[in-house]
Amino acid sequence: MRPRKFKSAIELDKKIEEYFNQLTRNVLARDKQGNIVTDADDNPVYEEIEKEAPTILSLCVYLTTQRETFNQYAKGTYDDKENNFSEIIALAKQRIESYAEQCLFDKTRKNPAGIIFNLKNNFDWKDKKEIETTTNNNVVMLTSKEDLISGIMKLTNKLNDSNVIDVEAKEVEEIKEYEDYEDLL
C-alpha cells in the first residue's frame, strides 16, 4: 500500500471543502437593464455564480490525486481508528451526485444525456425495467431478461401437464417485490 497522501481526515475534509468553495464566484448582481442591484442601504448586491460543475475527476485534479488513489480512500484502504477517510470521500461524492441529480431537473439544460451517463458510471445509477409474467392468474414480478427466461423455464416445468401458458410482458414504472415469489414458482 502506498503511503497516505493526506495525513489526517481533517486535512482531507478541508481540501475537499476548498474544492467546492472554488467552484463558484461572487459577481455584482445586475438587473435586466444591466444596472448594478443595490440593497436598502445602497450597498451593491452580489450573487454567486457557478464557474464549473463539481465532478469526481475535477475533485481528484484539485486534490492532486490519481483517481485510483481516490478510489482507495473511498474503499477505506487508508482508514484507521482516528481517520475515517472513506466517510469524507462518501460525503463528497454524495454532494457531487446531488448536484448532477439536480441538473436533471434544470429546465435550461436541453440534453441530459451527459448527466445521465455521469450518474450511471460514477454513482451506480441504472435503468431498471420490470417484466410481469402472468400464468393461471398468478403474477410473478421479474426484474431482468435473465429472470424472465429462468422464470418461464420454471413455470414451464411446473405446468408441464398444462397445454397453455399465457405470458404477457410489459414495463412497470416501479419495482414491486413479492414475498411469495418463490411460492408462485
C-alpha atoms as a PDB file:
ATOM      1  CA  MET A   1       0.000   0.000   0.000  1.00  0.00           C
ATOM      2  CA  ARG A   2       1.235   3.465  -0.874  1.00  0.00           C
ATOM      3  CA  PRO A   3       1.774   5.971   1.919  1.00  0.00           C
ATOM      4  CA  ARG A   4      -1.116   8.279   2.690  1.00  0.00           C
ATOM      5  CA  LYS A   5      -1.347  11.444   0.656  1.00  0.00           C
ATOM      6  CA  PHE A   6      -3.343  13.104   3.448  1.00  0.00           C
ATOM      7  CA  LYS A   7      -2.034  12.937   6.988  1.00  0.00           C
ATOM      8  CA  SER A   8      -5.483  13.163   8.547  1.00  0.00           C
ATOM      9  CA  ALA A   9      -9.148  13.021   7.671  1.00  0.00           C
ATOM     10  CA  ILE A  10      -9.444  16.650   8.813  1.00  0.00           C
ATOM     11  CA  GLU A  11      -6.822  17.694   6.255  1.00  0.00           C
ATOM     12  CA  LEU A  12      -8.696  15.835   3.503  1.00  0.00           C
ATOM     13  CA  ASP A  13     -12.012  17.345   4.587  1.00  0.00           C
ATOM     14  CA  LYS A  14     -10.559  20.874   4.451  1.00  0.00           C
ATOM     15  CA  LYS A  15      -9.147  20.306   0.947  1.00  0.00           C
ATOM     16  CA  ILE A  16     -12.478  18.947  -0.277  1.00  0.00           C
ATOM     17  CA  GLU A  17     -14.303  21.935   1.192  1.00  0.00           C
ATOM     18  CA  GLU A  18     -11.825  24.258  -0.579  1.00  0.00           C
ATOM     19  CA  TYR A  19     -12.597  22.429  -3.818  1.00  0.00           C
ATOM     20  CA  PHE A  20     -16.343  23.007  -3.505  1.00  0.00           C
ATOM     21  CA  ASN A  21     -15.843  26.649  -2.484  1.00  0.00           C
ATOM     22  CA  GLN A  22     -13.660  27.435  -5.508  1.00  0.00           C
ATOM     23  CA  LEU A  23     -16.338  26.156  -7.925  1.00  0.00           C
ATOM     24  CA  THR A  24     -18.329  29.383  -7.544  1.00  0.00           C
ATOM     25  CA  ARG A  25     -17.529  33.086  -7.506  1.00  0.00           C
ATOM     26  CA  ASN A  26     -19.352  36.203  -6.424  1.00  0.00           C
ATOM     27  CA  VAL A  27     -20.209  38.850  -9.011  1.00  0.00           C
ATOM     28  CA  LEU A  28     -22.172  42.055  -8.843  1.00  0.00           C
ATOM     29  CA  ALA A  29     -25.872  41.410  -9.364  1.00  0.00           C
ATOM     30  CA  ARG A  30     -27.373  43.280 -12.310  1.00  0.00           C
ATOM     31  CA  ASP A  31     -30.946  43.962 -13.305  1.00  0.00           C
ATOM     32  CA  LYS A  32     -32.405  43.416 -16.798  1.00  0.00           C
ATOM     33  CA  GLN A  33     -31.098  46.782 -17.962  1.00  0.00           C
ATOM     34  CA  GLY A  34     -27.563  45.964 -16.789  1.00  0.00           C
ATOM     35  CA  ASN A  35     -27.593  48.278 -13.759  1.00  0.00           C
ATOM     36  CA  ILE A  36     -25.938  47.145 -10.524  1.00  0.00           C
ATOM     37  CA  VAL A  37     -28.506  45.979  -7.984  1.00  0.00           C
ATOM     38  CA  THR A  38     -28.243  47.561  -4.524  1.00  0.00           C
ATOM     39  CA  ASP A  39     -29.820  46.800  -1.171  1.00  0.00           C
ATOM     40  CA  ALA A  40     -31.856  49.204   1.005  1.00  0.00           C
ATOM     41  CA  ASP A  41     -28.660  50.876   2.252  1.00  0.00           C
ATOM     42  CA  ASP A  42     -27.423  51.391  -1.330  1.00  0.00           C
ATOM     43  CA  ASN A  43     -24.735  48.699  -0.973  1.00  0.00           C
ATOM     44  CA  PRO A  44     -24.092  46.591  -4.067  1.00  0.00           C
ATOM     45  CA  VAL A  45     -25.640  43.119  -4.029  1.00  0.00           C
ATOM     46  CA  TYR A  46     -23.527  40.144  -5.051  1.00  0.00           C
ATOM     47  CA  GLU A  47     -24.724  36.878  -6.483  1.00  0.00           C
ATOM     48  CA  GLU A  48     -22.925  33.578  -6.540  1.00  0.00           C
ATOM     49  CA  ILE A  49     -22.413  32.025  -9.958  1.00  0.00           C
ATOM     50  CA  GLU A  50     -21.053  28.658 -10.926  1.00  0.00           C
ATOM     51  CA  LYS A  51     -17.611  28.570 -12.556  1.00  0.00           C
ATOM     52  CA  GLU A  52     -17.691  24.839 -13.188  1.00  0.00           C
ATOM     53  CA  ALA A  53     -19.693  21.788 -12.208  1.00  0.00           C
ATOM     54  CA  PRO A  54     -18.323  19.521  -9.495  1.00  0.00           C
ATOM     55  CA  THR A  55     -17.115  16.149 -10.773  1.00  0.00           C
ATOM     56  CA  ILE A  56     -15.175  13.252  -9.336  1.00  0.00           C
ATOM     57  CA  LEU A  57     -12.296  13.794 -11.756  1.00  0.00           C
ATOM     58  CA  SER A  58     -12.052  17.548 -11.154  1.00  0.00           C
ATOM     59  CA  LEU A  59     -12.004  16.828  -7.413  1.00  0.00           C
ATOM     60  CA  CYS A  60      -9.115  14.401  -7.992  1.00  0.00           C
ATOM     61  CA  VAL A  61      -7.266  17.046 -10.017  1.00  0.00           C
ATOM     62  CA  TYR A  62      -7.823  19.628  -7.280  1.00  0.00           C
ATOM     63  CA  LEU A  63      -6.527  17.173  -4.672  1.00  0.00           C
ATOM     64  CA  THR A  64      -3.583  16.325  -6.991  1.00  0.00           C
ATOM     65  CA  THR A  65      -4.565  12.702  -6.526  1.00  0.00           C
ATOM     66  CA  GLN A  66      -4.939   9.992  -9.113  1.00  0.00           C
ATOM     67  CA  ARG A  67      -8.432   8.617  -9.459  1.00  0.00           C
ATOM     68  CA  GLU A  68      -7.282   5.144  -8.388  1.00  0.00           C
ATOM     69  CA  THR A  69      -5.815   6.597  -5.180  1.00  0.00           C
ATOM     70  CA  PHE A  70      -9.086   8.489  -4.621  1.00  0.00           C
ATOM     71  CA  ASN A  71     -10.960   5.185  -5.044  1.00  0.00           C
ATOM     72  CA  GLN A  72      -8.658   3.521  -2.497  1.00  0.00           C
ATOM     73  CA  TYR A  73      -9.540   6.249   0.010  1.00  0.00           C
ATOM     74  CA  ALA A  74     -13.222   5.719  -0.830  1.00  0.00           C
ATOM     75  CA  LYS A  75     -12.921   1.961  -0.194  1.00  0.00           C
ATOM     76  CA  GLY A  76     -11.447   2.572   3.254  1.00  0.00           C
ATOM     77  CA  THR A  77      -7.939   1.363   2.444  1.00  0.00           C
ATOM     78  CA  TYR A  78      -6.416   4.260   4.419  1.00  0.00           C
ATOM     79  CA  ASP A  79      -8.962   4.340   7.270  1.00  0.00           C
ATOM     80  CA  ASP A  80      -7.791   3.791  10.830  1.00  0.00           C
ATOM     81  CA  LYS A  81      -9.128   4.455  14.340  1.00  0.00           C
ATOM     82  CA  GLU A  82      -8.534   8.214  14.147  1.00  0.00           C
ATOM     83  CA  ASN A  83      -9.204   8.833  10.457  1.00  0.00           C
ATOM     84  CA  ASN A  84     -12.312   7.826   8.559  1.00  0.00           C
ATOM     85  CA  PHE A  85     -11.254   8.953   5.083  1.00  0.00           C
ATOM     86  CA  SER A  86     -13.884   6.802   3.370  1.00  0.00           C
ATOM     87  CA  GLU A  87     -16.722   8.659   5.105  1.00  0.00           C
ATOM     88  CA  ILE A  88     -15.362  12.033   3.977  1.00  0.00           C
ATOM     89  CA  ILE A  89     -14.989  10.769   0.393  1.00  0.00           C
ATOM     90  CA  ALA A  90     -18.514   9.302   0.514  1.00  0.00           C
ATOM     91  CA  LEU A  91     -19.928  12.667   1.596  1.00  0.00           C
ATOM     92  CA  ALA A  92     -18.022  14.487  -1.157  1.00  0.00           C
ATOM     93  CA  LYS A  93     -19.269  12.008  -3.757  1.00  0.00           C
ATOM     94  CA  GLN A  94     -22.792  12.455  -2.414  1.00  0.00           C
ATOM     95  CA  ARG A  95     -22.532  16.231  -2.914  1.00  0.00           C
ATOM     96  CA  ILE A  96     -21.361  15.717  -6.500  1.00  0.00           C
ATOM     97  CA  GLU A  97     -24.136  13.192  -7.149  1.00  0.00           C
ATOM     98  CA  SER A  98     -26.701  15.566  -5.658  1.00  0.00           C
ATOM     99  CA  TYR A  99     -25.541  18.345  -7.968  1.00  0.00           C
ATOM    100  CA  ALA A 100     -25.813  16.060 -11.013  1.00  0.00           C
ATOM    101  CA  GLU A 101     -29.254  14.866  -9.951  1.00  0.00           C
ATOM    102  CA  GLN A 102     -30.463  18.467  -9.542  1.00  0.00           C
ATOM    103  CA  CYS A 103     -29.217  19.222 -13.054  1.00  0.00           C
ATOM    104  CA  LEU A 104     -31.645  16.629 -14.389  1.00  0.00           C
ATOM    105  CA  PHE A 105     -34.476  18.924 -13.281  1.00  0.00           C
ATOM    106  CA  ASP A 106     -32.920  22.128 -14.634  1.00  0.00           C
ATOM    107  CA  LYS A 107     -35.195  23.170 -17.487  1.00  0.00           C
ATOM    108  CA  THR A 108     -32.421  25.215 -19.148  1.00  0.00           C
ATOM    109  CA  ARG A 109     -30.428  22.063 -19.896  1.00  0.00           C
ATOM    110  CA  LYS A 110     -31.605  20.743 -23.232  1.00  0.00           C
ATOM    111  CA  ASN A 111     -29.838  17.373 -23.288  1.00  0.00           C
ATOM    112  CA  PRO A 112     -29.418  15.488 -20.005  1.00  0.00           C
ATOM    113  CA  ALA A 113     -27.592  12.546 -21.654  1.00  0.00           C
ATOM    114  CA  GLY A 114     -24.194  13.587 -20.253  1.00  0.00           C
ATOM    115  CA  ILE A 115     -25.605  13.926 -16.757  1.00  0.00           C
ATOM    116  CA  ILE A 116     -27.286  10.534 -17.001  1.00  0.00           C
ATOM    117  CA  PHE A 117     -24.039   8.998 -18.293  1.00  0.00           C
ATOM    118  CA  ASN A 118     -22.180  10.501 -15.318  1.00  0.00           C
ATOM    119  CA  LEU A 119     -24.747   9.215 -12.817  1.00  0.00           C
ATOM    120  CA  LYS A 120     -24.666   5.708 -14.303  1.00  0.00           C
ATOM    121  CA  ASN A 121     -20.879   5.467 -14.482  1.00  0.00           C
ATOM    122  CA  ASN A 122     -19.862   7.237 -11.281  1.00  0.00           C
ATOM    123  CA  PHE A 123     -22.794   6.633  -8.951  1.00  0.00           C
ATOM    124  CA  ASP A 124     -24.166   3.236  -9.991  1.00  0.00           C
ATOM    125  CA  TRP A 125     -27.479   4.549 -11.283  1.00  0.00           C
ATOM    126  CA  LYS A 126     -29.226   2.013 -13.504  1.00  0.00           C
ATOM    127  CA  ASP A 127     -32.124   1.883 -15.899  1.00  0.00           C
ATOM    128  CA  LYS A 128     -34.456  -0.719 -14.492  1.00  0.00           C
ATOM    129  CA  LYS A 129     -37.276  -2.398 -16.305  1.00  0.00           C
ATOM    130  CA  GLU A 130     -39.558  -4.983 -14.885  1.00  0.00           C
ATOM    131  CA  ILE A 131     -41.245  -7.695 -16.782  1.00  0.00           C
ATOM    132  CA  GLU A 132     -44.540  -9.006 -15.492  1.00  0.00           C
ATOM    133  CA  THR A 133     -45.385 -12.616 -16.245  1.00  0.00           C
ATOM    134  CA  THR A 134     -48.920 -13.921 -15.776  1.00  0.00           C
ATOM    135  CA  THR A 135     -49.912 -17.561 -15.685  1.00  0.00           C
ATOM    136  CA  ASN A 136     -53.185 -19.005 -14.342  1.00  0.00           C
ATOM    137  CA  ASN A 137     -53.972 -15.646 -12.689  1.00  0.00           C
ATOM    138  CA  ASN A 138     -50.706 -15.739 -10.719  1.00  0.00           C
ATOM    139  CA  VAL A 139     -48.452 -12.723 -11.178  1.00  0.00           C
ATOM    140  CA  VAL A 140     -44.696 -13.018 -10.869  1.00  0.00           C
ATOM    141  CA  MET A 141     -42.503  -9.887 -10.907  1.00  0.00           C
ATOM    142  CA  LEU A 142     -39.183 -10.384 -12.660  1.00  0.00           C
ATOM    143  CA  THR A 143     -36.510  -7.700 -12.901  1.00  0.00           C
ATOM    144  CA  SER A 144     -34.384  -8.805 -15.833  1.00  0.00           C
ATOM    145  CA  LYS A 145     -34.482 -10.745 -19.087  1.00  0.00           C
ATOM    146  CA  GLU A 146     -32.457 -13.498 -17.432  1.00  0.00           C
ATOM    147  CA  ASP A 147     -35.021 -13.721 -14.621  1.00  0.00           C
ATOM    148  CA  LEU A 148     -37.784 -13.862 -17.224  1.00  0.00           C
ATOM    149  CA  ILE A 149     -36.164 -16.749 -19.086  1.00  0.00           C
ATOM    150  CA  SER A 150     -35.445 -18.588 -15.840  1.00  0.00           C
ATOM    151  CA  GLY A 151     -38.989 -17.932 -14.589  1.00  0.00           C
ATOM    152  CA  ILE A 152     -40.564 -19.152 -17.821  1.00  0.00           C
ATOM    153  CA  MET A 153     -38.463 -22.318 -17.681  1.00  0.00           C
ATOM    154  CA  LYS A 154     -39.559 -22.978 -14.074  1.00  0.00           C
ATOM    155  CA  LEU A 155     -43.186 -22.244 -14.895  1.00  0.00           C
ATOM    156  CA  THR A 156     -42.999 -24.492 -17.953  1.00  0.00           C
ATOM    157  CA  ASN A 157     -41.614 -27.347 -15.854  1.00  0.00           C
ATOM    158  CA  LYS A 158     -44.225 -26.775 -13.143  1.00  0.00           C
ATOM    159  CA  LEU A 159     -47.070 -26.628 -15.628  1.00  0.00           C
ATOM    160  CA  ASN A 160     -45.886 -29.411 -17.927  1.00  0.00           C
ATOM    161  CA  ASP A 161     -49.298 -31.070 -17.591  1.00  0.00           C
ATOM    162  CA  SER A 162     -50.987 -27.962 -18.983  1.00  0.00           C
ATOM    163  CA  ASN A 163     -51.051 -27.110 -22.683  1.00  0.00           C
ATOM    164  CA  VAL A 164     -51.450 -23.328 -22.207  1.00  0.00           C
ATOM    165  CA  ILE A 165     -49.061 -20.819 -20.712  1.00  0.00           C
ATOM    166  CA  ASP A 166     -50.171 -17.168 -21.031  1.00  0.00           C
ATOM    167  CA  VAL A 167     -47.105 -14.923 -20.860  1.00  0.00           C
ATOM    168  CA  GLU A 168     -47.533 -11.158 -21.103  1.00  0.00           C
ATOM    169  CA  ALA A 169     -44.563  -8.763 -20.784  1.00  0.00           C
ATOM    170  CA  LYS A 170     -44.932  -5.086 -20.010  1.00  0.00           C
ATOM    171  CA  GLU A 171     -42.857  -2.312 -18.475  1.00  0.00           C
ATOM    172  CA  VAL A 172     -43.726  -1.433 -14.908  1.00  0.00           C
ATOM    173  CA  GLU A 173     -42.859   2.009 -13.551  1.00  0.00           C
ATOM    174  CA  GLU A 174     -41.645   0.896 -10.152  1.00  0.00           C
ATOM    175  CA  ILE A 175     -40.203  -2.318  -8.832  1.00  0.00           C
ATOM    176  CA  LYS A 176     -42.581  -4.361  -6.692  1.00  0.00           C
ATOM    177  CA  GLU A 177     -41.276  -7.155  -4.575  1.00  0.00           C
ATOM    178  CA  TYR A 178     -43.451 -10.128  -3.738  1.00  0.00           C
ATOM    179  CA  GLU A 179     -42.650 -12.200  -0.683  1.00  0.00           C
ATOM    180  CA  ASP A 180     -44.398 -15.182  -2.203  1.00  0.00           C
ATOM    181  CA  TYR A 181     -42.280 -15.074  -5.384  1.00  0.00           C
ATOM    182  CA  GLU A 182     -40.726 -18.470  -4.723  1.00  0.00           C
ATOM    183  CA  ASP A 183     -44.116 -19.976  -3.804  1.00  0.00           C
ATOM    184  CA  LEU A 184     -45.501 -18.989  -7.195  1.00  0.00           C
ATOM    185  CA  LEU A 185     -42.760 -20.860  -8.999  1.00  0.00           C
END
